[in-house]
C-alpha atoms as a PDB file:
ATOM      1  CA  MET A   1      -6.543  29.749 -13.047  1.00  0.00           C
ATOM      2  CA  GLY A   2      -8.756  31.888 -10.856  1.00  0.00           C
ATOM      3  CA  LYS A   3     -11.851  33.993 -12.130  1.00  0.00           C
ATOM      4  CA  ASN A   4     -10.960  36.764 -14.626  1.00  0.00           C
ATOM      5  CA  ILE A   5     -10.567  40.019 -12.980  1.00  0.00           C
ATOM      6  CA  TYR A   6      -9.102  43.123 -14.603  1.00  0.00           C
ATOM      7  CA  ILE A   7      -5.737  43.460 -12.891  1.00  0.00           C
ATOM      8  CA  HIS A   8      -5.440  47.379 -13.230  1.00  0.00           C
ATOM      9  CA  GLY A   9      -8.727  48.477 -11.913  1.00  0.00           C
ATOM     10  CA  THR A  10     -10.769  51.543 -12.974  1.00  0.00           C
ATOM     11  CA  GLU A  11      -9.832  54.098 -10.215  1.00  0.00           C
ATOM     12  CA  GLY A  12      -8.934  57.526 -10.675  1.00  0.00           C
ATOM     13  CA  ASP A  13      -5.309  57.093 -10.537  1.00  0.00           C
ATOM     14  CA  GLU A  14      -5.277  54.240 -12.674  1.00  0.00           C
ATOM     15  CA  GLN A  15      -7.272  56.199 -15.353  1.00  0.00           C
ATOM     16  CA  GLU A  16      -4.642  58.994 -15.394  1.00  0.00           C
ATOM     17  CA  ARG A  17      -1.964  56.374 -15.853  1.00  0.00           C
ATOM     18  CA  LEU A  18      -3.701  54.920 -18.865  1.00  0.00           C
ATOM     19  CA  ALA A  19      -4.430  58.371 -20.293  1.00  0.00           C
ATOM     20  CA  THR A  20      -0.720  59.092 -19.996  1.00  0.00           C
ATOM     21  CA  LEU A  21       0.088  55.738 -21.730  1.00  0.00           C
ATOM     22  CA  ASN A  22      -2.397  56.495 -24.484  1.00  0.00           C
ATOM     23  CA  SER A  23      -0.811  59.911 -25.080  1.00  0.00           C
ATOM     24  CA  MET A  24       2.708  58.114 -25.500  1.00  0.00           C
ATOM     25  CA  THR A  25       1.481  55.222 -27.863  1.00  0.00           C
ATOM     26  CA  ASN A  26      -1.852  56.219 -29.745  1.00  0.00           C
ATOM     27  CA  LYS A  27      -0.064  57.940 -32.627  1.00  0.00           C
ATOM     28  CA  SER A  28       2.016  54.815 -33.545  1.00  0.00           C
ATOM     29  CA  PHE A  29      -0.810  52.470 -33.201  1.00  0.00           C
ATOM     30  CA  VAL A  30      -3.262  54.548 -35.337  1.00  0.00           C
ATOM     31  CA  SER A  31      -0.458  54.642 -38.099  1.00  0.00           C
ATOM     32  CA  PHE A  32      -0.138  50.841 -37.634  1.00  0.00           C
ATOM     33  CA  LEU A  33      -3.713  50.404 -38.389  1.00  0.00           C
ATOM     34  CA  LYS A  34      -3.635  51.553 -42.014  1.00  0.00           C
ATOM     35  CA  LEU A  35      -7.270  52.598 -41.897  1.00  0.00           C
ATOM     36  CA  ARG A  36      -9.051  53.299 -45.298  1.00  0.00           C
ATOM     37  CA  THR A  37     -11.262  56.431 -45.532  1.00  0.00           C
ATOM     38  CA  THR A  38     -14.583  54.597 -45.602  1.00  0.00           C
ATOM     39  CA  ASP A  39     -13.718  51.530 -43.249  1.00  0.00           C
ATOM     40  CA  LYS A  40     -16.246  50.359 -40.733  1.00  0.00           C
ATOM     41  CA  VAL A  41     -14.058  49.746 -37.651  1.00  0.00           C
ATOM     42  CA  LEU A  42     -14.727  47.925 -34.452  1.00  0.00           C
ATOM     43  CA  GLU A  43     -12.376  48.443 -31.426  1.00  0.00           C
ATOM     44  CA  ILE A  44     -12.490  45.766 -28.705  1.00  0.00           C
ATOM     45  CA  GLY A  45     -11.945  47.204 -25.099  1.00  0.00           C
ATOM     46  CA  SER A  46     -12.289  50.819 -25.691  1.00  0.00           C
ATOM     47  CA  GLY A  47     -11.508  51.888 -21.982  1.00  0.00           C
ATOM     48  CA  LEU A  48     -11.729  55.680 -21.974  1.00  0.00           C
ATOM     49  CA  GLY A  49     -12.137  55.873 -25.716  1.00  0.00           C
ATOM     50  CA  LEU A  50      -9.172  57.837 -26.472  1.00  0.00           C
ATOM     51  CA  LEU A  51      -7.671  55.529 -29.030  1.00  0.00           C
ATOM     52  CA  ALA A  52     -11.072  55.218 -30.817  1.00  0.00           C
ATOM     53  CA  LYS A  53     -11.493  58.964 -30.975  1.00  0.00           C
ATOM     54  CA  GLU A  54      -7.970  59.209 -32.580  1.00  0.00           C
ATOM     55  CA  ALA A  55      -9.120  56.562 -35.081  1.00  0.00           C
ATOM     56  CA  ALA A  56     -12.425  58.070 -35.954  1.00  0.00           C
ATOM     57  CA  LEU A  57     -10.629  61.499 -36.567  1.00  0.00           C
ATOM     58  CA  LYS A  58      -8.423  59.713 -39.064  1.00  0.00           C
ATOM     59  CA  ILE A  59     -11.489  58.379 -41.101  1.00  0.00           C
ATOM     60  CA  PRO A  60     -14.191  61.072 -41.223  1.00  0.00           C
ATOM     61  CA  ASN A  61     -16.006  59.125 -43.837  1.00  0.00           C
ATOM     62  CA  GLY A  62     -15.806  55.869 -41.936  1.00  0.00           C
ATOM     63  CA  GLN A  63     -17.306  54.529 -38.788  1.00  0.00           C
ATOM     64  CA  VAL A  64     -15.724  53.492 -35.494  1.00  0.00           C
ATOM     65  CA  THR A  65     -17.649  51.464 -32.810  1.00  0.00           C
ATOM     66  CA  GLY A  66     -16.035  50.845 -29.638  1.00  0.00           C
ATOM     67  CA  LEU A  67     -16.906  47.757 -27.464  1.00  0.00           C
ATOM     68  CA  GLU A  68     -16.350  48.097 -23.761  1.00  0.00           C
ATOM     69  CA  LYS A  69     -17.579  45.931 -21.013  1.00  0.00           C
ATOM     70  CA  SER A  70     -17.302  48.569 -17.976  1.00  0.00           C
ATOM     71  CA  ALA A  71     -20.180  50.906 -17.542  1.00  0.00           C
ATOM     72  CA  ASP A  72     -17.841  53.311 -15.520  1.00  0.00           C
ATOM     73  CA  GLN A  73     -15.584  53.459 -18.440  1.00  0.00           C
ATOM     74  CA  LEU A  74     -18.345  54.001 -21.041  1.00  0.00           C
ATOM     75  CA  LYS A  75     -19.309  56.943 -19.040  1.00  0.00           C
ATOM     76  CA  LYS A  76     -15.983  58.683 -19.605  1.00  0.00           C
ATOM     77  CA  CYS A  77     -15.788  57.939 -23.471  1.00  0.00           C
ATOM     78  CA  PRO A  78     -15.818  60.976 -25.754  1.00  0.00           C
ATOM     79  CA  SER A  79     -19.033  62.071 -27.692  1.00  0.00           C
ATOM     80  CA  GLY A  80     -19.802  64.569 -30.192  1.00  0.00           C
ATOM     81  CA  LEU A  81     -18.092  62.832 -33.297  1.00  0.00           C
ATOM     82  CA  PRO A  82     -20.822  61.702 -35.809  1.00  0.00           C
ATOM     83  CA  ASN A  83     -18.672  58.648 -36.900  1.00  0.00           C
ATOM     84  CA  LEU A  84     -17.781  57.437 -33.459  1.00  0.00           C
ATOM     85  CA  ASP A  85     -20.058  55.387 -30.956  1.00  0.00           C
ATOM     86  CA  PHE A  86     -19.691  53.114 -28.017  1.00  0.00           C
ATOM     87  CA  ILE A  87     -21.694  50.126 -27.136  1.00  0.00           C
ATOM     88  CA  LYS A  88     -21.665  48.062 -23.748  1.00  0.00           C
ATOM     89  CA  GLY A  89     -20.718  44.353 -24.403  1.00  0.00           C
ATOM     90  CA  ASP A  90     -18.563  41.415 -23.806  1.00  0.00           C
ATOM     91  CA  ALA A  91     -15.727  40.520 -26.271  1.00  0.00           C
ATOM     92  CA  HIS A  92     -16.523  36.775 -26.003  1.00  0.00           C
ATOM     93  CA  ASN A  93     -20.112  37.385 -27.107  1.00  0.00           C
ATOM     94  CA  MET A  94     -20.202  40.407 -29.214  1.00  0.00           C
ATOM     95  CA  PRO A  95     -23.593  41.992 -30.012  1.00  0.00           C
ATOM     96  CA  PHE A  96     -22.941  42.355 -33.658  1.00  0.00           C
ATOM     97  CA  LYS A  97     -24.058  40.459 -36.714  1.00  0.00           C
ATOM     98  CA  ASN A  98     -21.742  38.208 -38.874  1.00  0.00           C
ATOM     99  CA  ASN A  99     -19.810  40.132 -41.435  1.00  0.00           C
ATOM    100  CA  SER A 100     -20.267  43.521 -39.924  1.00  0.00           C
ATOM    101  CA  PHE A 101     -16.870  45.290 -40.021  1.00  0.00           C
ATOM    102  CA  ASP A 102     -14.036  45.816 -42.453  1.00  0.00           C
ATOM    103  CA  VAL A 103     -11.625  46.193 -39.656  1.00  0.00           C
ATOM    104  CA  VAL A 104     -11.258  44.992 -36.027  1.00  0.00           C
ATOM    105  CA  TYR A 105      -8.446  45.943 -33.710  1.00  0.00           C
ATOM    106  CA  CYS A 106      -7.591  45.444 -30.116  1.00  0.00           C
ATOM    107  CA  ARG A 107      -4.823  46.763 -28.016  1.00  0.00           C
ATOM    108  CA  TYR A 108      -3.808  45.360 -24.571  1.00  0.00           C
ATOM    109  CA  ILE A 109      -7.010  43.460 -24.469  1.00  0.00           C
ATOM    110  CA  LEU A 110      -6.310  39.614 -24.972  1.00  0.00           C
ATOM    111  CA  GLU A 111      -4.122  39.709 -21.969  1.00  0.00           C
ATOM    112  CA  HIS A 112      -7.100  40.506 -19.696  1.00  0.00           C
ATOM    113  CA  VAL A 113      -9.739  38.294 -21.193  1.00  0.00           C
ATOM    114  CA  ALA A 114     -10.797  34.761 -19.799  1.00  0.00           C
ATOM    115  CA  ASN A 115     -10.652  32.862 -23.328  1.00  0.00           C
ATOM    116  CA  PRO A 116      -8.568  34.786 -25.904  1.00  0.00           C
ATOM    117  CA  LEU A 117      -9.245  32.276 -28.598  1.00  0.00           C
ATOM    118  CA  LYS A 118     -13.075  32.601 -28.255  1.00  0.00           C
ATOM    119  CA  VAL A 119     -12.610  36.469 -28.493  1.00  0.00           C
ATOM    120  CA  LEU A 120     -10.607  35.822 -31.706  1.00  0.00           C
ATOM    121  CA  ASN A 121     -13.237  33.505 -33.104  1.00  0.00           C
ATOM    122  CA  GLU A 122     -15.758  36.300 -32.337  1.00  0.00           C
ATOM    123  CA  VAL A 123     -13.509  38.591 -34.423  1.00  0.00           C
ATOM    124  CA  TRP A 124     -13.523  36.300 -37.284  1.00  0.00           C
ATOM    125  CA  ARG A 125     -17.219  36.117 -37.146  1.00  0.00           C
ATOM    126  CA  VAL A 126     -17.818  39.841 -37.221  1.00  0.00           C
ATOM    127  CA  LEU A 127     -15.394  40.569 -39.898  1.00  0.00           C
ATOM    128  CA  ILE A 128     -16.392  40.611 -43.591  1.00  0.00           C
ATOM    129  CA  ASN A 129     -14.625  38.176 -45.849  1.00  0.00           C
ATOM    130  CA  GLY A 130     -11.201  39.764 -46.446  1.00  0.00           C
ATOM    131  CA  GLY A 131     -11.555  41.877 -43.419  1.00  0.00           C
ATOM    132  CA  ARG A 132      -8.365  42.962 -41.487  1.00  0.00           C
ATOM    133  CA  LEU A 133      -7.452  42.306 -37.859  1.00  0.00           C
ATOM    134  CA  PHE A 134      -4.896  44.461 -36.102  1.00  0.00           C
ATOM    135  CA  VAL A 135      -3.569  43.326 -32.636  1.00  0.00           C
ATOM    136  CA  GLN A 136      -1.090  44.805 -30.204  1.00  0.00           C
ATOM    137  CA  GLU A 137      -0.257  42.927 -26.932  1.00  0.00           C
ATOM    138  CA  ASN A 138       1.902  42.499 -24.007  1.00  0.00           C
ATOM    139  CA  ASN A 139       4.750  40.118 -23.111  1.00  0.00           C
ATOM    140  CA  ILE A 140       5.746  42.264 -20.098  1.00  0.00           C
ATOM    141  CA  LEU A 141       8.869  40.252 -19.270  1.00  0.00           C
ATOM    142  CA  ALA A 142      10.352  41.474 -22.724  1.00  0.00           C
ATOM    143  CA  ILE A 143      11.779  44.383 -20.724  1.00  0.00           C
ATOM    144  CA  GLU A 144      15.420  45.473 -20.139  1.00  0.00           C
ATOM    145  CA  ILE A 145      16.423  47.990 -17.586  1.00  0.00           C
ATOM    146  CA  TYR A 146      19.943  49.545 -16.854  1.00  0.00           C
ATOM    147  CA  PRO A 147      21.545  50.046 -14.408  1.00  0.00           C
ATOM    148  CA  GLU A 148      19.990  46.885 -12.844  1.00  0.00           C
ATOM    149  CA  CYS A 149      17.027  47.123 -10.663  1.00  0.00           C
ATOM    150  CA  PRO A 150      16.625  43.791  -8.897  1.00  0.00           C
ATOM    151  CA  HIS A 151      13.816  44.788  -6.454  1.00  0.00           C
ATOM    152  CA  PHE A 152      11.825  45.957  -9.443  1.00  0.00           C
ATOM    153  CA  LYS A 153      12.590  42.740 -11.585  1.00  0.00           C
ATOM    154  CA  LYS A 154      11.373  40.627  -8.803  1.00  0.00           C
ATOM    155  CA  ALA A 155       8.013  42.473  -8.448  1.00  0.00           C
ATOM    156  CA  TRP A 156       7.447  42.555 -12.164  1.00  0.00           C
ATOM    157  CA  GLN A 157       7.789  38.780 -12.264  1.00  0.00           C
ATOM    158  CA  LYS A 158       5.272  38.546  -9.504  1.00  0.00           C
ATOM    159  CA  PHE A 159       3.172  40.999 -11.215  1.00  0.00           C
ATOM    160  CA  ALA A 160       3.048  38.711 -14.324  1.00  0.00           C
ATOM    161  CA  LEU A 161       2.250  35.892 -11.985  1.00  0.00           C
ATOM    162  CA  LEU A 162      -0.631  37.765 -10.326  1.00  0.00           C
ATOM    163  CA  GLN A 163      -2.206  38.398 -13.795  1.00  0.00           C
ATOM    164  CA  TYR A 164      -2.251  34.820 -14.483  1.00  0.00           C
ATOM    165  CA  GLU A 165      -3.839  34.007 -11.052  1.00  0.00           C
ATOM    166  CA  LEU A 166      -6.443  36.483 -11.871  1.00  0.00           C
ATOM    167  CA  GLY A 167      -7.293  34.754 -15.160  1.00  0.00           C
ATOM    168  CA  GLY A 168      -5.281  36.829 -17.629  1.00  0.00           C
ATOM    169  CA  ASP A 169      -2.012  36.131 -19.302  1.00  0.00           C
ATOM    170  CA  ALA A 170       0.820  38.993 -19.151  1.00  0.00           C
ATOM    171  CA  LEU A 171       2.868  37.123 -21.819  1.00  0.00           C
ATOM    172  CA  ILE A 172       0.219  36.669 -24.322  1.00  0.00           C
ATOM    173  CA  GLY A 173       1.953  38.748 -26.919  1.00  0.00           C
ATOM    174  CA  LYS A 174       4.475  36.103 -27.718  1.00  0.00           C
ATOM    175  CA  LYS A 175       1.554  33.605 -28.294  1.00  0.00           C
ATOM    176  CA  LEU A 176      -0.258  35.754 -31.162  1.00  0.00           C
ATOM    177  CA  TYR A 177       0.998  33.779 -34.139  1.00  0.00           C
ATOM    178  CA  SER A 178      -0.499  30.419 -32.600  1.00  0.00           C
ATOM    179  CA  LEU A 179      -3.703  32.060 -31.574  1.00  0.00           C
ATOM    180  CA  LEU A 180      -4.360  33.544 -34.944  1.00  0.00           C
ATOM    181  CA  LYS A 181      -3.458  30.262 -36.631  1.00  0.00           C
ATOM    182  CA  LYS A 182      -6.076  28.428 -34.385  1.00  0.00           C
ATOM    183  CA  SER A 183      -8.604  30.992 -35.184  1.00  0.00           C
ATOM    184  CA  SER A 184      -8.092  30.410 -38.991  1.00  0.00           C
ATOM    185  CA  PHE A 185      -6.813  33.812 -39.830  1.00  0.00           C
ATOM    186  CA  LYS A 186      -4.653  34.124 -42.935  1.00  0.00           C
ATOM    187  CA  LYS A 187      -1.759  36.456 -44.005  1.00  0.00           C
ATOM    188  CA  ILE A 188      -0.478  36.716 -40.543  1.00  0.00           C
ATOM    189  CA  LYS A 189       2.322  38.908 -40.036  1.00  0.00           C
ATOM    190  CA  LEU A 190       4.187  39.773 -36.898  1.00  0.00           C
ATOM    191  CA  SER A 191       6.093  42.839 -35.842  1.00  0.00           C
ATOM    192  CA  PRO A 192       7.496  44.623 -32.879  1.00  0.00           C
ATOM    193  CA  ALA A 193       6.667  48.148 -31.491  1.00  0.00           C
ATOM    194  CA  PRO A 194       9.790  49.047 -29.868  1.00  0.00           C
ATOM    195  CA  GLU A 195       9.789  51.528 -26.723  1.00  0.00           C
ATOM    196  CA  PHE A 196      13.391  52.907 -26.101  1.00  0.00           C
ATOM    197  CA  HIS A 197      13.247  55.476 -23.046  1.00  0.00           C
ATOM    198  CA  TYR A 198      16.545  57.003 -21.480  1.00  0.00           C
ATOM    199  CA  TYR A 199      17.329  59.799 -19.369  1.00  0.00           C
ATOM    200  CA  ASP A 200      17.741  62.363 -22.052  1.00  0.00           C
ATOM    201  CA  LEU A 201      14.403  61.779 -23.444  1.00  0.00           C
ATOM    202  CA  LYS A 202      11.222  63.658 -22.161  1.00  0.00           C
ATOM    203  CA  THR A 203       9.458  60.221 -22.266  1.00  0.00           C
ATOM    204  CA  PHE A 204      11.798  58.571 -19.885  1.00  0.00           C
ATOM    205  CA  SER A 205      10.159  59.686 -16.636  1.00  0.00           C
ATOM    206  CA  PRO A 206       6.412  58.936 -17.831  1.00  0.00           C
ATOM    207  CA  TRP A 207       7.506  55.616 -18.967  1.00  0.00           C
ATOM    208  CA  ILE A 208       9.177  54.681 -15.699  1.00  0.00           C
ATOM    209  CA  GLY A 209       6.082  56.351 -13.917  1.00  0.00           C
ATOM    210  CA  ASN A 210       3.855  53.917 -15.831  1.00  0.00           C
ATOM    211  CA  LEU A 211       5.757  50.924 -14.453  1.00  0.00           C
ATOM    212  CA  ILE A 212       5.413  52.358 -10.944  1.00  0.00           C
ATOM    213  CA  GLY A 213       1.681  52.929 -11.423  1.00  0.00           C
ATOM    214  CA  ASN A 214       1.289  49.380 -12.512  1.00  0.00           C
ATOM    215  CA  ILE A 215       2.666  47.947  -9.389  1.00  0.00           C
ATOM    216  CA  GLU A 216       1.375  50.621  -7.106  1.00  0.00           C
ATOM    217  CA  GLY A 217      -2.174  49.801  -8.632  1.00  0.00           C
ATOM    218  CA  ALA A 218      -1.545  46.139  -7.990  1.00  0.00           C
ATOM    219  CA  ARG A 219      -0.388  46.599  -4.523  1.00  0.00           C
ATOM    220  CA  LYS A 220      -3.378  45.127  -2.548  1.00  0.00           C
ATOM    221  CA  LYS A 221      -3.785  42.278  -4.948  1.00  0.00           C
ATOM    222  CA  LEU A 222      -0.108  41.443  -4.861  1.00  0.00           C
ATOM    223  CA  ILE A 223      -0.234  41.255  -0.963  1.00  0.00           C
ATOM    224  CA  ASP A 224      -3.529  39.417  -0.972  1.00  0.00           C
ATOM    225  CA  HIS A 225      -2.278  36.610  -3.293  1.00  0.00           C
ATOM    226  CA  ASN A 226       0.882  36.360  -1.066  1.00  0.00           C
ATOM    227  CA  LEU A 227       3.065  37.210  -3.754  1.00  0.00           C
ATOM    228  CA  LEU A 228       4.870  40.276  -2.495  1.00  0.00           C
ATOM    229  CA  THR A 229       5.194  41.902   0.949  1.00  0.00           C
ATOM    230  CA  GLU A 230       4.406  45.443   1.500  1.00  0.00           C
ATOM    231  CA  GLU A 231       8.107  45.895   2.058  1.00  0.00           C
ATOM    232  CA  GLU A 232       9.185  44.353  -1.230  1.00  0.00           C
ATOM    233  CA  ILE A 233       6.703  46.452  -3.115  1.00  0.00           C
ATOM    234  CA  SER A 234       7.911  49.709  -1.546  1.00  0.00           C
ATOM    235  CA  GLU A 235      11.542  48.531  -2.259  1.00  0.00           C
ATOM    236  CA  ALA A 236      10.659  48.078  -6.008  1.00  0.00           C
ATOM    237  CA  ILE A 237       8.897  51.401  -6.301  1.00  0.00           C
ATOM    238  CA  ASN A 238      11.477  53.342  -4.365  1.00  0.00           C
ATOM    239  CA  GLU A 239      14.139  51.591  -6.691  1.00  0.00           C
ATOM    240  CA  LEU A 240      12.286  52.883  -9.771  1.00  0.00           C
ATOM    241  CA  ARG A 241      11.997  56.398  -8.418  1.00  0.00           C
ATOM    242  CA  ASP A 242      15.658  56.397  -7.775  1.00  0.00           C
ATOM    243  CA  PHE A 243      16.147  55.143 -11.435  1.00  0.00           C
ATOM    244  CA  ILE A 244      14.370  58.069 -12.889  1.00  0.00           C
ATOM    245  CA  THR A 245      17.055  60.349 -11.227  1.00  0.00           C
ATOM    246  CA  LEU A 246      20.069  58.311 -12.912  1.00  0.00           C
ATOM    247  CA  GLU A 247      21.788  60.228 -15.794  1.00  0.00           C
ATOM    248  CA  ASP A 248      22.880  56.915 -17.357  1.00  0.00           C
ATOM    249  CA  ALA A 249      19.663  55.145 -17.048  1.00  0.00           C
ATOM    250  CA  SER A 250      17.837  53.461 -20.031  1.00  0.00           C
ATOM    251  CA  THR A 251      15.114  50.957 -20.645  1.00  0.00           C
ATOM    252  CA  TYR A 252      14.218  48.941 -23.591  1.00  0.00           C
ATOM    253  CA  PHE A 253      10.852  47.176 -24.345  1.00  0.00           C
ATOM    254  CA  TYR A 254       8.612  46.084 -27.245  1.00  0.00           C
ATOM    255  CA  TRP A 255       4.956  45.458 -27.769  1.00  0.00           C
ATOM    256  CA  ASN A 256       3.866  42.386 -29.869  1.00  0.00           C
ATOM    257  CA  ARG A 257       1.999  43.265 -32.998  1.00  0.00           C
ATOM    258  CA  ALA A 258       0.146  40.956 -35.469  1.00  0.00           C
ATOM    259  CA  THR A 259      -1.852  41.746 -38.529  1.00  0.00           C
ATOM    260  CA  ALA A 260      -4.154  39.087 -40.202  1.00  0.00           C
ATOM    261  CA  CYS A 261      -7.170  38.692 -42.695  1.00  0.00           C
ATOM    262  CA  LYS A 262     -10.203  36.751 -42.635  1.00  0.00           C
END
């Protein structure tokens, strides 16, 4: 496995894609968190800070701290909320004392880190006794699309392989229970967060656009790693663009969720 590199990048187009994905998924995730009014909360991997802002607005008498490794991302995080702050740091070695937070959550982060178990051990350290962890992660191959899109299916499998070669794990969602067990967490509960999108829904086009954006954003890396050719990438993207126009088109996916306690 190679050196860990964030597969998606931080360019403008990628930030726009992530903002759109946030708008589609944040409300459901904040509800999943079950935050209490005075919770002291840590978000790992804040990115643009959009999710952390929604969490902070949910608990005006609590505190949300976002941990983000990228200085470029931190510059774009929201400001002005007294109960929201952001800190630069690495999830593998968090700059916090033991027993600092009531809640820790992360979403689409463990798939990108070099050592997920070390990150979860750090979560354990910074949580108070009885503190709660909430996780939502990818198993990107847990997707069905109909009518069939064979060029996309091939490209998506190669995209997952690319993430592995870069030091991540696009299938980590299905491993959450095992990882949490190894990190000594208790009261582990798993659940799915389903995503059903079809032609008649307003979410259909943005959802397929998100898939296109993933492949497009990794175009150079896919070619450089000899996983796909320029032609194969274009075939996959064009296939999805045609898919958006099909009145009988639908797609099914689910995120892997887990809750646990220290």
